Every structure is written in structure tokens, then in C-alpha cells.
N, C-alpha and C. Protein backbone atom coordinates (compact mmCIF):
# COMPACT_ATOMS: atom_id res chain seq x y z
N MET A 1 0.84 -1.17 0.00
CA MET A 1 0.00 0.00 0.00
C MET A 1 0.89 1.23 0.00
N VAL A 2 0.55 2.18 -0.85
CA VAL A 2 1.35 3.39 -0.98
C VAL A 2 0.90 4.39 0.08
N GLY A 3 1.84 4.88 0.85
CA GLY A 3 1.53 5.83 1.90
C GLY A 3 1.46 7.25 1.37
N LEU A 4 1.06 8.16 2.22
CA LEU A 4 0.93 9.57 1.87
C LEU A 4 2.27 10.16 1.45
N LEU A 5 3.32 9.86 2.19
CA LEU A 5 4.64 10.39 1.86
C LEU A 5 5.10 9.89 0.49
N ASP A 6 4.83 8.63 0.18
CA ASP A 6 5.20 8.07 -1.13
C ASP A 6 4.46 8.79 -2.25
N GLN A 7 3.17 9.08 -2.05
CA GLN A 7 2.39 9.78 -3.06
C GLN A 7 2.93 11.19 -3.29
N VAL A 8 3.25 11.89 -2.22
CA VAL A 8 3.78 13.25 -2.34
C VAL A 8 5.12 13.24 -3.06
N MET A 9 5.99 12.28 -2.71
CA MET A 9 7.30 12.20 -3.36
C MET A 9 7.16 11.90 -4.84
N LEU A 10 6.22 11.02 -5.22
CA LEU A 10 6.01 10.71 -6.62
C LEU A 10 5.56 11.93 -7.39
N VAL A 11 4.64 12.70 -6.82
CA VAL A 11 4.16 13.92 -7.49
C VAL A 11 5.31 14.91 -7.66
N PHE A 12 6.13 15.08 -6.63
CA PHE A 12 7.26 16.00 -6.74
C PHE A 12 8.27 15.54 -7.79
N MET A 13 8.48 14.23 -7.90
CA MET A 13 9.41 13.72 -8.91
C MET A 13 8.88 13.99 -10.31
N ILE A 14 7.58 13.79 -10.51
CA ILE A 14 6.98 14.06 -11.83
C ILE A 14 7.09 15.53 -12.17
N VAL A 15 6.78 16.39 -11.21
CA VAL A 15 6.87 17.83 -11.45
C VAL A 15 8.30 18.23 -11.77
N GLU A 16 9.27 17.70 -11.04
CA GLU A 16 10.67 18.03 -11.28
C GLU A 16 11.11 17.60 -12.67
N ILE A 17 10.72 16.40 -13.08
CA ILE A 17 11.09 15.92 -14.42
C ILE A 17 10.47 16.81 -15.49
N LEU A 18 9.21 17.17 -15.33
CA LEU A 18 8.54 17.97 -16.35
C LEU A 18 9.05 19.40 -16.39
N TYR A 19 9.48 19.96 -15.27
CA TYR A 19 10.02 21.31 -15.27
C TYR A 19 11.43 21.38 -15.83
N LYS A 20 12.26 20.37 -15.58
CA LYS A 20 13.66 20.42 -15.99
C LYS A 20 13.88 19.99 -17.42
N ARG A 21 13.05 19.13 -17.94
CA ARG A 21 13.25 18.63 -19.29
C ARG A 21 12.49 19.50 -20.30
N THR A 22 13.06 19.64 -21.44
CA THR A 22 12.39 20.37 -22.52
C THR A 22 12.29 19.44 -23.72
N TRP A 23 11.11 19.27 -24.21
CA TRP A 23 10.89 18.47 -25.41
C TRP A 23 10.54 19.44 -26.53
N HIS A 24 11.48 19.64 -27.42
CA HIS A 24 11.29 20.52 -28.58
C HIS A 24 10.89 21.94 -28.17
N GLY A 25 11.44 22.40 -27.06
CA GLY A 25 11.19 23.78 -26.64
C GLY A 25 9.80 24.03 -26.08
N GLU A 26 9.07 23.01 -25.73
CA GLU A 26 7.70 23.18 -25.25
C GLU A 26 7.66 23.19 -23.72
N VAL A 27 8.43 24.08 -23.10
CA VAL A 27 8.53 24.14 -21.65
C VAL A 27 7.20 24.56 -21.03
N GLU A 28 6.55 25.54 -21.59
CA GLU A 28 5.29 26.03 -21.02
C GLU A 28 4.20 24.96 -21.04
N CYS A 29 4.15 24.18 -22.09
CA CYS A 29 3.17 23.11 -22.18
C CYS A 29 3.43 22.07 -21.10
N MET A 30 4.70 21.75 -20.88
CA MET A 30 5.05 20.76 -19.86
C MET A 30 4.73 21.29 -18.46
N ARG A 31 4.94 22.57 -18.23
CA ARG A 31 4.61 23.14 -16.92
C ARG A 31 3.12 23.07 -16.67
N GLY A 32 2.33 23.36 -17.67
CA GLY A 32 0.88 23.26 -17.54
C GLY A 32 0.44 21.83 -17.26
N LEU A 33 1.09 20.88 -17.95
CA LEU A 33 0.78 19.48 -17.73
C LEU A 33 1.17 19.05 -16.31
N ALA A 34 2.29 19.54 -15.83
CA ALA A 34 2.74 19.21 -14.48
C ALA A 34 1.75 19.71 -13.44
N VAL A 35 1.27 20.93 -13.61
CA VAL A 35 0.29 21.48 -12.67
C VAL A 35 -1.01 20.67 -12.73
N LEU A 36 -1.42 20.28 -13.93
CA LEU A 36 -2.63 19.47 -14.08
C LEU A 36 -2.47 18.13 -13.38
N ILE A 37 -1.32 17.46 -13.57
CA ILE A 37 -1.09 16.18 -12.91
C ILE A 37 -1.10 16.35 -11.40
N LEU A 38 -0.48 17.40 -10.91
CA LEU A 38 -0.45 17.66 -9.48
C LEU A 38 -1.86 17.85 -8.92
N LEU A 39 -2.68 18.65 -9.59
CA LEU A 39 -4.04 18.91 -9.12
C LEU A 39 -4.90 17.65 -9.15
N VAL A 40 -4.79 16.87 -10.22
CA VAL A 40 -5.57 15.64 -10.32
C VAL A 40 -5.13 14.64 -9.25
N GLY A 41 -3.82 14.53 -9.03
CA GLY A 41 -3.31 13.61 -8.01
C GLY A 41 -3.80 13.97 -6.62
N VAL A 42 -3.76 15.25 -6.29
CA VAL A 42 -4.22 15.68 -4.96
C VAL A 42 -5.72 15.50 -4.82
N ALA A 43 -6.47 15.83 -5.87
CA ALA A 43 -7.93 15.74 -5.80
C ALA A 43 -8.41 14.29 -5.67
N THR A 44 -7.74 13.36 -6.34
CA THR A 44 -8.20 11.98 -6.27
C THR A 44 -7.67 11.24 -5.05
N ALA A 45 -6.51 11.64 -4.53
CA ALA A 45 -5.93 10.94 -3.39
C ALA A 45 -6.43 11.48 -2.06
N ALA A 46 -6.85 12.71 -1.99
CA ALA A 46 -7.23 13.33 -0.73
C ALA A 46 -8.34 12.60 0.01
N PRO A 47 -9.43 12.14 -0.64
CA PRO A 47 -10.47 11.46 0.11
C PRO A 47 -10.00 10.15 0.74
N ALA A 48 -9.00 9.52 0.17
CA ALA A 48 -8.54 8.23 0.70
C ALA A 48 -7.60 8.39 1.88
N TRP A 49 -7.03 9.54 2.09
CA TRP A 49 -6.09 9.74 3.18
C TRP A 49 -6.82 9.70 4.50
N GLY A 50 -6.49 8.74 5.31
CA GLY A 50 -7.07 8.65 6.65
C GLY A 50 -8.51 8.19 6.67
N ALA A 51 -9.03 7.71 5.56
CA ALA A 51 -10.42 7.29 5.52
C ALA A 51 -10.59 5.95 6.22
N ASP A 52 -11.62 5.85 7.04
CA ASP A 52 -11.93 4.60 7.72
C ASP A 52 -12.93 3.83 6.86
N ALA A 53 -12.89 2.52 6.96
CA ALA A 53 -13.84 1.67 6.23
C ALA A 53 -14.72 0.95 7.24
N ARG A 54 -15.96 0.68 6.84
CA ARG A 54 -16.89 -0.05 7.69
C ARG A 54 -17.24 -1.35 7.02
N HIS A 55 -17.24 -2.43 7.81
CA HIS A 55 -17.60 -3.76 7.33
C HIS A 55 -18.65 -4.32 8.27
N SER A 56 -19.72 -4.87 7.70
CA SER A 56 -20.79 -5.45 8.51
C SER A 56 -21.06 -6.87 8.06
N GLY A 57 -21.30 -7.73 9.03
CA GLY A 57 -21.62 -9.11 8.69
C GLY A 57 -21.74 -9.98 9.92
N ARG A 58 -21.89 -11.28 9.65
CA ARG A 58 -22.09 -12.28 10.70
C ARG A 58 -20.74 -12.83 11.14
N VAL A 59 -20.57 -12.97 12.45
CA VAL A 59 -19.34 -13.51 13.00
C VAL A 59 -19.30 -15.02 12.71
N LEU A 60 -18.21 -15.47 12.08
CA LEU A 60 -18.03 -16.90 11.82
C LEU A 60 -17.26 -17.56 12.95
N ALA A 61 -16.22 -16.89 13.43
CA ALA A 61 -15.40 -17.45 14.50
C ALA A 61 -14.72 -16.30 15.24
N VAL A 62 -14.43 -16.54 16.50
CA VAL A 62 -13.73 -15.55 17.32
C VAL A 62 -12.71 -16.27 18.19
N ASP A 63 -11.52 -15.69 18.26
CA ASP A 63 -10.45 -16.23 19.10
C ASP A 63 -9.98 -15.10 20.01
N PRO A 64 -10.58 -14.98 21.21
CA PRO A 64 -10.22 -13.89 22.11
C PRO A 64 -8.75 -13.89 22.50
N GLY A 65 -8.17 -15.06 22.68
CA GLY A 65 -6.78 -15.14 23.09
C GLY A 65 -5.82 -14.56 22.06
N ALA A 66 -6.10 -14.82 20.79
CA ALA A 66 -5.25 -14.31 19.71
C ALA A 66 -5.73 -12.95 19.21
N GLY A 67 -6.91 -12.52 19.67
CA GLY A 67 -7.45 -11.24 19.20
C GLY A 67 -7.84 -11.29 17.73
N ARG A 68 -8.43 -12.38 17.31
CA ARG A 68 -8.83 -12.57 15.92
C ARG A 68 -10.34 -12.75 15.80
N LEU A 69 -10.89 -12.23 14.71
CA LEU A 69 -12.32 -12.31 14.44
C LEU A 69 -12.49 -12.59 12.95
N ARG A 70 -13.27 -13.62 12.63
CA ARG A 70 -13.60 -13.91 11.23
C ARG A 70 -15.03 -13.48 10.99
N LEU A 71 -15.25 -12.74 9.92
CA LEU A 71 -16.53 -12.12 9.64
C LEU A 71 -16.96 -12.45 8.22
N GLU A 72 -18.23 -12.82 8.03
CA GLU A 72 -18.78 -13.04 6.70
C GLU A 72 -19.57 -11.80 6.30
N GLU A 73 -19.09 -11.12 5.27
CA GLU A 73 -19.72 -9.89 4.79
C GLU A 73 -20.33 -10.14 3.42
N LEU A 74 -21.54 -9.66 3.20
CA LEU A 74 -22.18 -9.76 1.90
C LEU A 74 -21.90 -8.48 1.12
N THR A 75 -21.39 -8.65 -0.10
CA THR A 75 -21.06 -7.49 -0.94
C THR A 75 -21.78 -7.60 -2.27
N ALA A 76 -21.68 -6.55 -3.05
CA ALA A 76 -22.32 -6.53 -4.35
C ALA A 76 -21.64 -7.53 -5.29
N ALA A 77 -22.42 -8.09 -6.20
CA ALA A 77 -21.91 -9.04 -7.18
C ALA A 77 -22.49 -8.68 -8.55
N SER A 78 -21.99 -9.33 -9.57
CA SER A 78 -22.46 -9.04 -10.92
C SER A 78 -23.86 -9.56 -11.17
N GLY A 79 -24.29 -10.58 -10.43
CA GLY A 79 -25.63 -11.14 -10.59
C GLY A 79 -26.61 -10.60 -9.58
N PRO A 80 -27.78 -11.22 -9.49
CA PRO A 80 -28.81 -10.72 -8.57
C PRO A 80 -28.53 -11.06 -7.11
N GLU A 81 -27.71 -12.08 -6.86
CA GLU A 81 -27.42 -12.49 -5.49
C GLU A 81 -26.14 -11.81 -4.99
N PRO A 82 -26.12 -11.43 -3.71
CA PRO A 82 -24.88 -10.84 -3.17
C PRO A 82 -23.78 -11.89 -3.07
N ARG A 83 -22.56 -11.42 -3.02
CA ARG A 83 -21.39 -12.29 -2.91
C ARG A 83 -20.91 -12.29 -1.47
N SER A 84 -20.57 -13.46 -0.94
CA SER A 84 -20.10 -13.59 0.43
C SER A 84 -18.57 -13.48 0.45
N VAL A 85 -18.06 -12.61 1.32
CA VAL A 85 -16.62 -12.40 1.46
C VAL A 85 -16.26 -12.64 2.92
N GLU A 86 -15.20 -13.40 3.16
CA GLU A 86 -14.75 -13.64 4.52
C GLU A 86 -13.63 -12.67 4.86
N LEU A 87 -13.80 -11.95 5.96
CA LEU A 87 -12.79 -11.01 6.44
C LEU A 87 -12.17 -11.54 7.71
N LYS A 88 -10.87 -11.39 7.83
CA LYS A 88 -10.16 -11.76 9.05
C LYS A 88 -9.64 -10.47 9.68
N LEU A 89 -10.15 -10.15 10.85
CA LEU A 89 -9.81 -8.90 11.51
C LEU A 89 -9.01 -9.15 12.78
N LYS A 90 -8.11 -8.24 13.07
CA LYS A 90 -7.32 -8.26 14.30
C LYS A 90 -8.01 -7.33 15.28
N VAL A 91 -8.26 -7.82 16.48
CA VAL A 91 -8.87 -7.02 17.55
C VAL A 91 -7.77 -6.77 18.58
N THR A 92 -7.47 -5.49 18.82
CA THR A 92 -6.40 -5.11 19.75
C THR A 92 -7.00 -4.62 21.07
N PRO A 93 -6.18 -4.42 22.08
CA PRO A 93 -6.70 -3.84 23.33
C PRO A 93 -7.26 -2.42 23.13
N ASP A 94 -6.85 -1.74 22.06
CA ASP A 94 -7.37 -0.39 21.78
C ASP A 94 -8.70 -0.40 21.04
N THR A 95 -9.14 -1.56 20.57
CA THR A 95 -10.40 -1.65 19.85
C THR A 95 -11.56 -1.37 20.81
N ALA A 96 -12.40 -0.41 20.45
CA ALA A 96 -13.59 -0.08 21.25
C ALA A 96 -14.71 -1.04 20.85
N ILE A 97 -15.14 -1.88 21.78
CA ILE A 97 -16.18 -2.87 21.50
C ILE A 97 -17.43 -2.53 22.30
N HIS A 98 -18.56 -2.42 21.59
CA HIS A 98 -19.83 -2.09 22.23
C HIS A 98 -20.89 -3.10 21.82
N ARG A 99 -21.68 -3.54 22.78
CA ARG A 99 -22.85 -4.37 22.52
C ARG A 99 -24.00 -3.41 22.31
N VAL A 100 -24.71 -3.57 21.20
CA VAL A 100 -25.80 -2.67 20.82
C VAL A 100 -27.11 -3.44 20.87
N ALA A 101 -28.15 -2.82 21.47
CA ALA A 101 -29.46 -3.47 21.56
C ALA A 101 -30.55 -2.40 21.48
N ARG A 102 -31.74 -2.85 21.10
CA ARG A 102 -32.89 -1.94 21.06
C ARG A 102 -33.26 -1.52 22.47
N ALA A 103 -33.64 -0.26 22.61
CA ALA A 103 -34.12 0.26 23.88
C ALA A 103 -35.55 0.75 23.67
N ALA A 104 -36.42 0.47 24.60
CA ALA A 104 -37.80 0.95 24.47
C ALA A 104 -37.80 2.47 24.35
N VAL A 105 -37.06 3.12 25.22
CA VAL A 105 -36.89 4.56 25.18
C VAL A 105 -35.46 4.84 25.65
N ASP A 106 -34.76 5.69 24.92
CA ASP A 106 -33.39 5.98 25.34
C ASP A 106 -33.40 7.08 26.40
N PRO A 107 -32.26 7.38 27.04
CA PRO A 107 -32.23 8.39 28.10
C PRO A 107 -32.72 9.77 27.68
N ALA A 108 -32.62 10.08 26.39
CA ALA A 108 -33.11 11.38 25.92
C ALA A 108 -34.60 11.37 25.62
N GLY A 109 -35.23 10.18 25.73
CA GLY A 109 -36.67 10.11 25.53
C GLY A 109 -37.10 9.72 24.12
N TRP A 110 -36.19 9.34 23.28
CA TRP A 110 -36.54 8.95 21.92
C TRP A 110 -37.04 7.51 21.90
N PRO A 111 -38.18 7.25 21.29
CA PRO A 111 -38.69 5.87 21.21
C PRO A 111 -37.91 5.06 20.17
N ASN A 112 -37.87 3.73 20.37
CA ASN A 112 -37.21 2.80 19.44
C ASN A 112 -35.75 3.16 19.19
N ALA A 113 -35.09 3.59 20.20
CA ALA A 113 -33.68 3.98 20.07
C ALA A 113 -32.79 2.76 20.30
N TRP A 114 -31.51 2.98 20.22
CA TRP A 114 -30.53 1.95 20.48
C TRP A 114 -29.74 2.32 21.72
N ARG A 115 -29.42 1.32 22.52
CA ARG A 115 -28.53 1.55 23.66
C ARG A 115 -27.28 0.73 23.42
N GLU A 116 -26.19 1.21 23.94
CA GLU A 116 -24.94 0.46 23.79
C GLU A 116 -24.20 0.45 25.11
N GLU A 117 -23.50 -0.65 25.32
CA GLU A 117 -22.69 -0.77 26.53
C GLU A 117 -21.33 -1.34 26.13
N ARG A 118 -20.32 -0.84 26.77
CA ARG A 118 -18.96 -1.30 26.49
C ARG A 118 -18.82 -2.76 26.92
N THR A 119 -18.11 -3.53 26.11
CA THR A 119 -17.91 -4.95 26.40
C THR A 119 -16.51 -5.36 25.94
N THR A 120 -16.22 -6.65 26.00
CA THR A 120 -14.91 -7.17 25.59
C THR A 120 -15.09 -8.19 24.48
N ILE A 121 -14.00 -8.58 23.87
CA ILE A 121 -14.03 -9.58 22.80
C ILE A 121 -14.53 -10.93 23.30
N ASP A 122 -14.40 -11.18 24.61
CA ASP A 122 -14.85 -12.46 25.18
C ASP A 122 -16.36 -12.67 25.05
N THR A 123 -17.13 -11.59 24.91
CA THR A 123 -18.59 -11.71 24.84
C THR A 123 -19.10 -11.83 23.41
N VAL A 124 -18.20 -11.72 22.42
CA VAL A 124 -18.60 -11.84 21.02
C VAL A 124 -18.65 -13.32 20.66
N ASN A 125 -19.76 -13.74 20.05
CA ASN A 125 -19.98 -15.16 19.73
C ASN A 125 -20.23 -15.35 18.24
N PRO A 126 -19.92 -16.54 17.71
CA PRO A 126 -20.32 -16.84 16.33
C PRO A 126 -21.83 -16.67 16.18
N GLY A 127 -22.24 -16.07 15.08
CA GLY A 127 -23.65 -15.78 14.83
C GLY A 127 -24.05 -14.36 15.15
N ASP A 128 -23.26 -13.67 15.99
CA ASP A 128 -23.54 -12.26 16.27
C ASP A 128 -23.35 -11.45 14.99
N PHE A 129 -24.08 -10.36 14.88
CA PHE A 129 -23.92 -9.44 13.76
C PHE A 129 -23.01 -8.31 14.22
N VAL A 130 -21.98 -8.03 13.43
CA VAL A 130 -20.97 -7.06 13.83
C VAL A 130 -20.76 -6.02 12.74
N THR A 131 -20.59 -4.76 13.15
CA THR A 131 -20.10 -3.73 12.24
C THR A 131 -18.74 -3.30 12.77
N ALA A 132 -17.73 -3.47 11.93
CA ALA A 132 -16.35 -3.15 12.30
C ALA A 132 -15.88 -1.94 11.51
N THR A 133 -15.21 -1.03 12.19
CA THR A 133 -14.57 0.10 11.52
C THR A 133 -13.08 -0.16 11.52
N THR A 134 -12.49 -0.10 10.34
CA THR A 134 -11.05 -0.31 10.21
C THR A 134 -10.40 0.96 9.70
N GLY A 135 -9.14 1.14 10.03
CA GLY A 135 -8.41 2.33 9.61
C GLY A 135 -7.54 2.06 8.42
N GLU A 136 -6.36 2.72 8.39
CA GLU A 136 -5.43 2.60 7.26
C GLU A 136 -5.02 1.15 7.02
N ARG A 137 -4.72 0.44 8.09
CA ARG A 137 -4.40 -0.99 7.94
C ARG A 137 -5.72 -1.72 8.00
N GLY A 138 -6.23 -2.13 6.87
CA GLY A 138 -7.59 -2.64 6.73
C GLY A 138 -7.95 -3.86 7.53
N ASN A 139 -6.98 -4.54 8.16
CA ASN A 139 -7.32 -5.75 8.89
C ASN A 139 -7.35 -5.54 10.40
N VAL A 140 -7.16 -4.32 10.89
CA VAL A 140 -7.19 -4.03 12.32
C VAL A 140 -8.47 -3.27 12.65
N ALA A 141 -9.28 -3.83 13.53
CA ALA A 141 -10.55 -3.20 13.90
C ALA A 141 -10.30 -2.07 14.90
N LEU A 142 -10.81 -0.89 14.57
CA LEU A 142 -10.75 0.25 15.49
C LEU A 142 -11.94 0.21 16.44
N THR A 143 -13.11 -0.12 15.88
CA THR A 143 -14.33 -0.25 16.69
C THR A 143 -15.11 -1.48 16.24
N LEU A 144 -15.86 -2.05 17.17
CA LEU A 144 -16.79 -3.14 16.87
C LEU A 144 -18.12 -2.81 17.53
N GLU A 145 -19.19 -2.89 16.76
CA GLU A 145 -20.54 -2.76 17.30
C GLU A 145 -21.19 -4.13 17.12
N VAL A 146 -21.56 -4.76 18.21
CA VAL A 146 -22.04 -6.14 18.20
C VAL A 146 -23.53 -6.17 18.50
N VAL A 147 -24.29 -6.85 17.63
CA VAL A 147 -25.73 -7.05 17.85
C VAL A 147 -25.95 -8.55 17.97
N GLN A 148 -26.52 -8.95 19.09
CA GLN A 148 -26.81 -10.37 19.32
C GLN A 148 -28.13 -10.71 18.64
N PRO A 149 -28.22 -11.88 18.00
CA PRO A 149 -29.49 -12.26 17.38
C PRO A 149 -30.63 -12.33 18.40
N ASP A 150 -31.84 -12.06 17.98
CA ASP A 150 -33.01 -12.06 18.88
C ASP A 150 -33.36 -13.43 19.42
N HIS A 151 -33.00 -14.50 18.73
CA HIS A 151 -33.44 -15.83 19.11
C HIS A 151 -32.65 -16.43 20.27
N ARG A 152 -31.70 -15.72 20.84
CA ARG A 152 -30.91 -16.27 21.97
C ARG A 152 -31.60 -16.02 23.28
């Protein structure tokens, strides 16, 4: 994965090459092209910098001792049926884990709200529905929101 510093260095190298080289005396054209490449690179890369991703699905397996969680996520496919993708996530001591459940009325008085309580990886079970937020390293969970099935 290319980091932010690598992207910036690549853009600077392209700009330097285009400014220093002259092809048939067309320096001004190359400078304009360099500015265009720089603007396009920054505009397309900026949303991805520091962006978190969310993954939701059913827990297949959990290993609290190793801090591992396997998740089955349904994603878009070319046909009418969704495609099942298995994700393997690392759960660290810094991962914020919350059990989420329906509340008749929340503390602010809103009906049909959700309540959440802090929990640990030990309470996550296969079959639970989880939404995980991951950061730059896509396999490390920053947060987990766990919903237990109603039939338990």
C-alpha cells in the first residue's frame, strides 16, 4: 500500500522531471501538464487519506486469546445475489467494543432507540452481527458494534 509520503514524493518527482526537461522547446506546455497532474493527483488521493472503512456481517469465529475475528460480509456481485466475502480482523486492546441493543426509550426520551454498553471480545460469539470500523491498515478493527441475534 502506498503511503501519503510516497504519493507526495512521486508527485514532486513528476513535477521536477517535467520542469527540468524540454521536449522541442515546449517548456510552457510541460509546466501546464505538471500542474494538471499535481491537481488531479491531490484531488483523487485526498479522500482516501485517513479514511476509515466499515464492514458489517455475521461472525463466523472468534479467538479472544489471539485477538482474531472472522466475519462473513455480503457485498455486491455481478448477478442478482450478493457475494459472500470472509474477512479476518485483528482485535487489539485499543479496539472499542460495544454491545448494541434496542431500547424501548433511550435516556433522551426517543422511542425505538438503540442503547450500547462497552464490552470485551470475550462476549462476542459466532452468529452475532458485527459492524467493524477499520483504519489505514484494513485488517485491524478500530471499533466493533455487536448485535446479538433475537433468538438467543
